[in-house]
Amino acid sequence: MSFKQAVVLAAGEGERLRPFTASKPKVMIKVANKPILQYVVEALERNGIRRIIFVVGYKKEKIMDYFEDGKALGVEIEYVFQKHLLGTGDALKQAENKTDERFLVLSGDNVIEEDTISDFELLDVSENENAILIKAHKDVSKYGVVIVKNGLVKDIIEKPSEEISNLVNTGIYAFEKEIFEFLEGELTSGLLSMIHQGKPVKACETHGVWLDAVYPWDILSLNDIVLRENPAKVEGKIEHGVTIDGRVSIGKNSVIRANSYVKGPVIIGENCEIGPNACIFPSTSIGNDVTISAFTEIKNSVLTDMVKIGSFSSIHDSIFDMGSYAEGGFIARSEEADIEIGGEYHRVKVGSMVGESCEIGSNVIAYPGTILGNRCKIKSMKELSGKIPDGSWVV
């Protein structure tokens, strides 16, 4: 393999994913109990690419504290800083003095697997070729669509209003150092400048995993796909009368109390207490130090670290961020709902999206599509709907 170094762009915020990006960058959102960025690092390491430059900016300390120098993941990570969020081209420019003559560039906010990079046929092509990795996608409206002719990139059209091609830009590139001569605000602008000046850019299609979260509910679909491949591994304690069915992973020091039912794919982290008489249904991720009390059911949901859910609760198609808790009788209803984000309206089947450190009293009902900001306090017996801003009190 001809690449030994990668630059990973991890400076952005991911504003449309709020409330989950208010205190952390998009790359640190967890899917199946791992930050999205960790999937990128692991895919690189498995392809023998172990020298990695992270370009960080927004909430950079969250990334640096978690990954440190990369040794724990078998890689060497160096950091460069983008002071102002002036686009992906500007972000890459920050790494100019640290790159090899040839290097890979990846976006840190997509879940990818080893095959995604090894599918990159250009890893075996001759020196001095620039290339982009493309993938067929059913909804191209949110992406840069790549126009390819005779294996070369002719144009990249951002977020087209009509379907001109189903091939999207994955944000994974192979570059020679000459790319730095063309960089402007956005990386694709620099790439097109290069093409317009007669420099060929090869298009390589991947069939590997490439998953992107654009909106909060996308976290649920990513989680579902990743969990299907997650290995079953039980390291915790399972009490009498518990039924474990399918691909289930349970971390160290976690206890599944008597008469609970867990149907995979499910991942449960370390130091958790589930049940008794709790039901955890498929496509659910439960982080570390989580408590799920008696007679509660969780289905197709993501609960991150230190979440506590009281007894007789029902949570479907929902996300609870770190440190939030709901007392007994919390109901997160899931049906199709109209949700507005950044001036766009979406109709999606979803439950509730709860930010960090929320306190929810007993017997609260959240209607489909409720987005509860960070650090909200909700009194008992309330009904929630729509968007509730960070720091709100509902009394």
Protein backbone atom coordinates (compact mmCIF):
# COMPACT_ATOMS: atom_id res chain seq x y z
CA MET A 1 0.00 0.00 0.00
CA SER A 2 1.52 3.28 -1.08
CA PHE A 3 0.10 5.53 1.64
CA LYS A 4 1.59 5.77 5.10
CA GLN A 5 -0.07 8.98 6.24
CA ALA A 6 -3.60 10.40 6.48
CA VAL A 7 -5.00 13.82 7.29
CA VAL A 8 -8.37 13.63 9.05
CA LEU A 9 -10.54 16.75 9.01
CA ALA A 10 -12.24 17.03 12.39
CA ALA A 11 -12.61 20.77 12.99
CA GLY A 12 -16.32 21.29 12.26
CA GLU A 13 -19.29 21.57 14.58
CA GLY A 14 -22.23 19.86 12.86
CA GLU A 15 -24.81 22.51 13.68
CA ARG A 16 -27.77 20.56 12.27
CA LEU A 17 -27.07 17.82 14.83
CA ARG A 18 -27.81 20.03 17.83
CA PRO A 19 -28.43 19.51 20.73
CA PHE A 20 -25.82 16.75 20.45
CA THR A 21 -23.06 19.04 19.14
CA ALA A 22 -23.50 21.91 21.62
CA SER A 23 -20.71 20.57 23.84
CA LYS A 24 -18.78 18.34 21.43
CA PRO A 25 -17.90 18.22 17.74
CA LYS A 26 -19.88 16.01 15.38
CA VAL A 27 -16.95 13.57 15.13
CA MET A 28 -17.35 12.74 18.84
CA ILE A 29 -21.01 11.67 18.63
CA LYS A 30 -21.15 8.03 19.67
CA VAL A 31 -22.53 5.27 17.46
CA ALA A 32 -22.63 1.78 19.02
CA ASN A 33 -20.70 3.23 22.00
CA LYS A 34 -17.76 4.60 19.96
CA PRO A 35 -17.18 8.12 18.61
CA ILE A 36 -17.65 8.37 14.84
CA LEU A 37 -14.01 9.50 14.55
CA GLN A 38 -12.79 6.25 16.13
CA TYR A 39 -14.21 4.23 13.21
CA VAL A 40 -12.08 6.33 10.85
CA VAL A 41 -8.92 5.77 12.92
CA GLU A 42 -9.53 2.01 13.16
CA ALA A 43 -10.14 1.73 9.41
CA LEU A 44 -6.84 3.51 8.72
CA GLU A 45 -4.91 1.39 11.22
CA ARG A 46 -6.23 -1.85 9.69
CA ASN A 47 -4.97 -0.66 6.31
CA GLY A 48 -1.50 -0.05 7.71
CA ILE A 49 -1.85 3.74 7.77
CA ARG A 50 -0.68 4.64 11.25
CA ARG A 51 0.61 8.21 10.98
CA ILE A 52 -2.42 10.46 11.28
CA ILE A 53 -2.79 14.23 11.40
CA PHE A 54 -6.02 15.48 13.01
CA VAL A 55 -7.13 18.96 11.97
CA VAL A 56 -9.19 20.12 14.96
CA GLY A 57 -11.03 23.32 15.82
CA TYR A 58 -14.49 23.40 17.42
CA LYS A 59 -14.36 21.91 20.97
CA LYS A 60 -10.96 20.43 20.10
CA GLU A 61 -10.19 19.42 23.70
CA LYS A 62 -12.95 16.75 23.52
CA ILE A 63 -11.05 15.06 20.67
CA MET A 64 -7.58 15.53 22.18
CA ASP A 65 -8.58 14.23 25.62
CA TYR A 66 -10.15 11.09 24.12
CA PHE A 67 -7.55 10.13 21.48
CA GLU A 68 -4.41 11.66 23.05
CA ASP A 69 -1.36 10.55 20.99
CA GLY A 70 -3.23 7.59 19.43
CA LYS A 71 -1.07 4.87 21.01
CA ALA A 72 -4.09 3.15 22.59
CA LEU A 73 -5.42 2.56 19.06
CA GLY A 74 -2.06 1.57 17.57
CA VAL A 75 -1.48 4.83 15.67
CA GLU A 76 0.49 8.08 16.02
CA ILE A 77 -1.73 11.17 16.07
CA GLU A 78 -0.45 14.70 15.55
CA TYR A 79 -2.74 17.71 15.92
CA VAL A 80 -2.97 20.91 13.91
CA PHE A 81 -5.48 23.66 14.61
CA GLN A 82 -7.95 25.51 12.44
CA LYS A 83 -8.58 28.73 14.37
CA HIS A 84 -11.57 29.90 12.33
CA LEU A 85 -14.00 27.55 10.60
CA LEU A 86 -13.28 28.76 7.06
CA GLY A 87 -14.06 25.52 5.22
CA THR A 88 -12.50 22.14 4.53
CA GLY A 89 -9.90 23.54 2.13
CA ASP A 90 -8.65 25.94 4.79
CA ALA A 91 -8.67 23.06 7.31
CA LEU A 92 -6.45 20.91 5.08
CA LYS A 93 -4.15 23.88 4.48
CA GLN A 94 -3.28 23.86 8.19
CA ALA A 95 -1.55 20.49 7.70
CA GLU A 96 0.59 21.57 4.73
CA ASN A 97 3.90 21.61 6.63
CA LYS A 98 3.39 18.14 8.09
CA THR A 99 2.29 16.03 5.12
CA ASP A 100 4.25 13.52 3.03
CA GLU A 101 4.52 13.96 -0.73
CA ARG A 102 1.44 11.66 -1.00
CA PHE A 103 -1.25 11.30 1.62
CA LEU A 104 -4.88 10.43 2.18
CA VAL A 105 -7.50 12.95 3.31
CA LEU A 106 -10.63 11.83 5.13
CA SER A 107 -13.54 13.51 6.82
CA GLY A 108 -13.68 12.56 10.49
CA ASP A 109 -17.47 12.62 10.66
CA ASN A 110 -18.38 9.54 8.61
CA VAL A 111 -18.54 5.98 9.91
CA ILE A 112 -16.33 3.92 7.61
CA GLU A 113 -14.86 0.43 7.77
CA GLU A 114 -11.59 -1.11 6.67
CA ASP A 115 -12.99 -2.13 3.26
CA THR A 116 -13.96 1.44 2.43
CA ILE A 117 -10.31 2.42 2.25
CA SER A 118 -9.00 -0.86 0.82
CA ASP A 119 -11.60 -0.53 -1.96
CA PHE A 120 -9.75 2.62 -2.92
CA GLU A 121 -8.15 1.16 -6.05
CA LEU A 122 -5.85 4.13 -6.33
CA LEU A 123 -3.83 2.79 -3.42
CA ASP A 124 -2.13 0.63 -6.02
CA VAL A 125 -2.01 3.12 -8.89
CA SER A 126 1.11 4.84 -10.07
CA GLU A 127 2.67 7.74 -8.20
CA ASN A 128 1.52 11.35 -8.75
CA GLU A 129 -2.15 10.57 -9.28
CA ASN A 130 -4.77 12.51 -7.38
CA ALA A 131 -8.04 10.71 -6.73
CA ILE A 132 -11.41 10.89 -5.00
CA LEU A 133 -13.48 8.09 -3.52
CA ILE A 134 -17.13 8.07 -4.65
CA LYS A 135 -20.11 5.98 -3.62
CA ALA A 136 -23.58 5.35 -5.04
CA HIS A 137 -26.19 6.87 -2.73
CA LYS A 138 -29.98 6.82 -2.91
CA ASP A 139 -30.48 10.41 -1.67
CA VAL A 140 -27.94 12.75 -3.24
CA SER A 141 -29.64 16.03 -2.27
CA LYS A 142 -27.40 16.61 0.79
CA TYR A 143 -24.08 15.80 -0.88
CA GLY A 144 -21.65 16.79 -3.59
CA VAL A 145 -22.57 14.80 -6.70
CA VAL A 146 -19.60 13.73 -8.81
CA ILE A 147 -19.76 13.77 -12.62
CA VAL A 148 -17.40 11.12 -13.99
CA LYS A 149 -16.21 10.59 -17.56
CA ASN A 150 -13.78 7.84 -18.58
CA GLY A 151 -12.84 7.26 -14.95
CA LEU A 152 -11.94 10.91 -14.33
CA VAL A 153 -13.79 13.59 -12.34
CA LYS A 154 -15.31 16.24 -14.61
CA ASP A 155 -17.35 18.20 -12.06
CA ILE A 156 -18.71 18.17 -8.51
CA ILE A 157 -22.15 19.74 -8.00
CA GLU A 158 -23.06 20.48 -4.39
CA LYS A 159 -26.57 19.53 -3.17
CA PRO A 160 -28.20 19.41 -6.60
CA SER A 161 -31.93 20.17 -6.85
CA GLU A 162 -32.38 17.43 -9.46
CA GLU A 163 -30.79 14.00 -9.71
CA ILE A 164 -27.96 14.20 -12.22
CA SER A 165 -26.00 11.21 -10.93
CA ASN A 166 -26.21 8.87 -7.95
CA LEU A 167 -22.48 9.06 -7.22
CA VAL A 168 -21.57 11.21 -4.22
CA ASN A 169 -18.30 12.56 -2.90
CA THR A 170 -17.33 10.63 0.26
CA GLY A 171 -14.81 13.26 1.33
CA ILE A 172 -12.01 10.69 1.03
CA TYR A 173 -9.16 11.70 -1.26
CA ALA A 174 -5.63 10.74 -2.28
CA PHE A 175 -3.48 13.78 -2.96
CA GLU A 176 -0.06 14.80 -4.08
CA LYS A 177 1.39 17.78 -2.25
CA GLU A 178 0.47 19.99 -5.23
CA ILE A 179 -3.12 20.17 -3.93
CA PHE A 180 -2.00 22.93 -1.53
CA GLU A 181 -1.42 25.28 -4.50
CA PHE A 182 -5.14 25.14 -5.33
CA LEU A 183 -6.82 25.22 -1.91
CA GLU A 184 -9.45 27.84 -1.19
CA GLY A 185 -12.30 27.92 1.35
CA GLU A 186 -13.78 24.53 0.51
CA LEU A 187 -11.73 21.52 -0.51
CA THR A 188 -13.97 20.73 -3.49
CA SER A 189 -13.33 24.26 -4.87
CA GLY A 190 -9.60 23.55 -4.82
CA LEU A 191 -10.16 20.18 -6.42
CA LEU A 192 -12.21 21.73 -9.23
CA SER A 193 -9.54 24.42 -9.75
CA MET A 194 -7.03 21.62 -10.19
CA ILE A 195 -9.28 19.85 -12.72
CA HIS A 196 -9.97 23.05 -14.66
CA GLN A 197 -6.23 23.60 -14.99
CA GLY A 198 -5.89 20.25 -16.69
CA LYS A 199 -4.73 18.11 -13.74
CA PRO A 200 -6.52 14.73 -13.87
CA VAL A 201 -8.36 13.51 -10.76
CA LYS A 202 -9.29 9.84 -10.84
CA ALA A 203 -12.70 8.67 -9.56
CA CYS A 204 -12.72 5.40 -7.59
CA GLU A 205 -15.97 3.85 -6.41
CA THR A 206 -16.24 2.13 -3.04
CA HIS A 207 -18.77 -0.51 -2.05
CA GLY A 208 -17.60 -0.40 1.57
CA VAL A 209 -19.43 1.14 4.51
CA TRP A 210 -19.70 4.94 4.38
CA LEU A 211 -22.34 6.39 6.67
CA ASP A 212 -23.07 10.03 7.34
CA ALA A 213 -25.17 11.68 10.06
CA VAL A 214 -26.62 14.99 8.88
CA TYR A 215 -29.62 15.28 11.24
CA PRO A 216 -30.13 14.01 14.82
CA TRP A 217 -32.33 11.07 13.79
CA ASP A 218 -29.58 9.86 11.41
CA ILE A 219 -27.70 8.73 14.52
CA LEU A 220 -30.34 6.01 14.97
CA SER A 221 -29.96 4.61 11.44
CA LEU A 222 -26.13 4.63 11.73
CA ASN A 223 -26.39 2.90 15.08
CA ASP A 224 -28.68 0.22 13.61
CA ILE A 225 -26.31 -0.52 10.71
CA VAL A 226 -23.15 -0.63 12.85
CA LEU A 227 -24.76 -2.81 15.54
CA ARG A 228 -25.61 -5.49 12.98
CA GLU A 229 -21.88 -6.18 12.62
CA ASN A 230 -21.03 -5.79 16.30
CA PRO A 231 -19.69 -9.03 17.84
CA ALA A 232 -21.58 -10.72 20.65
CA LYS A 233 -19.58 -10.66 23.88
CA VAL A 234 -20.89 -11.08 27.42
CA GLU A 235 -18.54 -9.90 30.19
CA GLY A 236 -21.12 -8.80 32.76
CA LYS A 237 -23.35 -10.73 35.15
CA ILE A 238 -26.67 -12.20 34.05
CA GLU A 239 -29.13 -13.13 36.78
CA HIS A 240 -31.62 -15.99 36.83
CA GLY A 241 -34.49 -15.89 34.35
CA VAL A 242 -32.85 -13.46 31.91
CA THR A 243 -33.33 -14.18 28.19
CA ILE A 244 -30.55 -13.09 25.81
CA ASP A 245 -31.50 -13.50 22.16
CA GLY A 246 -29.32 -12.67 19.15
CA ARG A 247 -26.16 -10.57 18.89
CA VAL A 248 -25.72 -8.92 22.29
CA SER A 249 -22.60 -7.38 23.84
CA ILE A 250 -22.51 -6.69 27.60
CA GLY A 251 -19.54 -4.89 29.17
CA LYS A 252 -17.60 -5.57 32.37
CA ASN A 253 -19.30 -5.09 35.75
CA SER A 254 -22.72 -4.69 34.15
CA VAL A 255 -25.65 -6.61 35.65
CA ILE A 256 -28.77 -7.77 33.84
CA ARG A 257 -31.28 -8.32 36.64
CA ALA A 258 -33.74 -11.21 36.90
CA ASN A 259 -36.43 -11.83 34.27
CA SER A 260 -35.16 -9.20 31.85
CA TYR A 261 -35.21 -9.76 28.08
CA VAL A 262 -32.50 -8.52 25.71
CA LYS A 263 -32.90 -9.07 21.97
CA GLY A 264 -29.97 -8.09 19.76
CA PRO A 265 -28.40 -6.44 18.05
CA VAL A 266 -27.75 -4.59 21.31
CA ILE A 267 -24.62 -3.22 22.99
CA ILE A 268 -24.53 -2.49 26.72
CA GLY A 269 -21.41 -0.81 28.14
CA GLU A 270 -19.63 -1.24 31.47
CA ASN A 271 -20.99 -0.71 34.99
CA CYS A 272 -24.64 -0.76 33.88
CA GLU A 273 -27.65 -2.02 35.79
CA ILE A 274 -30.57 -3.26 33.70
CA GLY A 275 -33.86 -4.41 35.23
CA PRO A 276 -35.24 -6.49 36.81
CA ASN A 277 -38.03 -7.19 34.31
CA ALA A 278 -36.62 -4.76 31.72
CA CYS A 279 -36.87 -5.30 27.96
CA ILE A 280 -34.12 -4.10 25.62
CA PHE A 281 -35.16 -4.52 21.99
CA PRO A 282 -33.04 -4.50 18.81
CA SER A 283 -30.84 -1.68 17.55
CA THR A 284 -30.25 -0.23 21.00
CA SER A 285 -26.91 1.09 22.29
CA ILE A 286 -26.48 1.67 26.01
CA GLY A 287 -23.29 3.41 27.15
CA ASN A 288 -21.29 3.04 30.39
CA ASP A 289 -22.70 3.64 33.89
CA VAL A 290 -26.33 3.51 32.72
CA THR A 291 -29.29 2.44 34.89
CA ILE A 292 -32.50 1.08 33.33
CA SER A 293 -35.03 0.41 36.07
CA ALA A 294 -37.69 -2.30 36.42
CA PHE A 295 -40.48 -2.84 33.86
CA THR A 296 -38.92 -0.41 31.37
CA GLU A 297 -38.58 -1.08 27.65
CA ILE A 298 -36.06 0.49 25.27
CA LYS A 299 -36.23 -0.05 21.51
CA ASN A 300 -34.09 1.24 18.58
CA SER A 301 -32.51 3.90 20.78
CA VAL A 302 -29.12 5.35 21.75
CA LEU A 303 -28.46 6.03 25.44
CA THR A 304 -24.97 7.36 26.10
CA ASP A 305 -22.95 7.32 29.34
CA MET A 306 -24.45 7.96 32.78
CA VAL A 307 -28.08 7.99 31.61
CA LYS A 308 -30.70 6.84 34.13
CA ILE A 309 -34.22 5.78 33.18
CA GLY A 310 -36.82 5.14 35.90
CA SER A 311 -39.20 2.19 36.12
CA PHE A 312 -42.30 1.68 33.94
CA SER A 313 -40.82 3.82 31.14
CA SER A 314 -41.11 3.22 27.41
CA ILE A 315 -38.51 4.69 25.03
CA HIS A 316 -38.65 4.02 21.28
CA ASP A 317 -36.57 5.51 18.42
CA SER A 318 -34.97 7.99 20.80
CA ILE A 319 -31.58 9.41 21.82
CA PHE A 320 -30.51 10.34 25.37
CA ASP A 321 -27.21 12.16 25.64
CA MET A 322 -24.75 11.92 28.53
CA GLY A 323 -25.89 12.35 32.12
CA SER A 324 -29.61 12.81 31.45
CA TYR A 325 -32.19 11.06 33.56
CA ALA A 326 -35.91 10.46 33.52
CA GLU A 327 -37.84 9.37 36.58
CA GLY A 328 -40.43 6.60 36.41
CA GLY A 329 -43.20 6.49 33.84
CA PHE A 330 -41.39 8.41 31.10
CA ILE A 331 -42.96 7.74 27.69
CA ALA A 332 -41.13 8.68 24.47
CA ARG A 333 -43.74 8.09 21.79
CA SER A 334 -42.57 7.36 18.27
CA GLU A 335 -44.55 8.14 15.13
CA GLU A 336 -44.02 10.17 12.00
CA ALA A 337 -43.49 13.81 12.89
CA ASP A 338 -42.68 17.05 11.08
CA ILE A 339 -39.39 18.51 12.31
CA GLU A 340 -37.78 21.81 11.32
CA ILE A 341 -33.99 22.08 11.33
CA GLY A 342 -32.15 25.06 9.88
CA GLY A 343 -35.15 26.17 7.86
CA GLU A 344 -35.67 22.71 6.34
CA TYR A 345 -38.74 20.61 7.13
CA HIS A 346 -38.50 16.83 7.44
CA ARG A 347 -41.11 14.16 8.05
CA VAL A 348 -39.48 11.31 9.97
CA LYS A 349 -40.52 8.48 12.27
CA VAL A 350 -38.75 9.28 15.50
CA GLY A 351 -39.25 9.47 19.26
CA SER A 352 -37.42 12.03 21.41
CA MET A 353 -33.94 13.55 21.14
CA VAL A 354 -32.70 14.52 24.60
CA GLY A 355 -29.49 16.55 25.12
CA GLU A 356 -26.95 16.28 27.95
CA SER A 357 -27.65 16.61 31.68
CA CYS A 358 -31.44 16.88 31.46
CA GLU A 359 -33.62 16.17 34.49
CA ILE A 360 -37.07 14.79 33.66
CA GLY A 361 -39.63 14.22 36.42
CA SER A 362 -42.01 11.28 36.71
CA ASN A 363 -44.87 10.45 34.35
CA VAL A 364 -43.72 12.78 31.56
CA ILE A 365 -44.91 12.11 27.99
CA ALA A 366 -42.76 13.27 25.07
CA TYR A 367 -44.57 13.41 21.73
CA PRO A 368 -42.87 12.22 18.51
CA GLY A 369 -40.13 14.52 17.25
CA THR A 370 -39.52 16.27 20.59
CA ILE A 371 -36.04 17.83 20.73
CA LEU A 372 -35.03 18.62 24.30
CA GLY A 373 -31.95 20.85 24.60
CA ASN A 374 -29.08 20.37 27.03
CA ARG A 375 -29.48 20.95 30.80
CA CYS A 376 -33.29 21.20 30.70
CA LYS A 377 -35.40 20.53 33.79
CA ILE A 378 -38.89 19.10 33.35
CA LYS A 379 -41.33 18.83 36.25
CA SER A 380 -43.45 15.70 36.70
CA MET A 381 -46.69 15.09 34.79
CA LYS A 382 -45.77 17.31 31.83
CA GLU A 383 -46.29 16.74 28.11
CA LEU A 384 -43.43 17.71 25.78
CA SER A 385 -43.44 18.49 22.07
CA GLY A 386 -41.49 20.49 19.51
CA LYS A 387 -38.10 22.09 20.25
CA ILE A 388 -37.21 23.05 23.81
CA PRO A 389 -34.07 25.24 24.01
CA ASP A 390 -30.96 24.52 26.10
CA GLY A 391 -31.37 25.34 29.77
CA SER A 392 -35.19 25.48 29.74
CA TRP A 393 -37.33 24.76 32.78
CA VAL A 394 -40.78 23.29 32.16
CA VAL A 395 -42.76 23.75 35.37
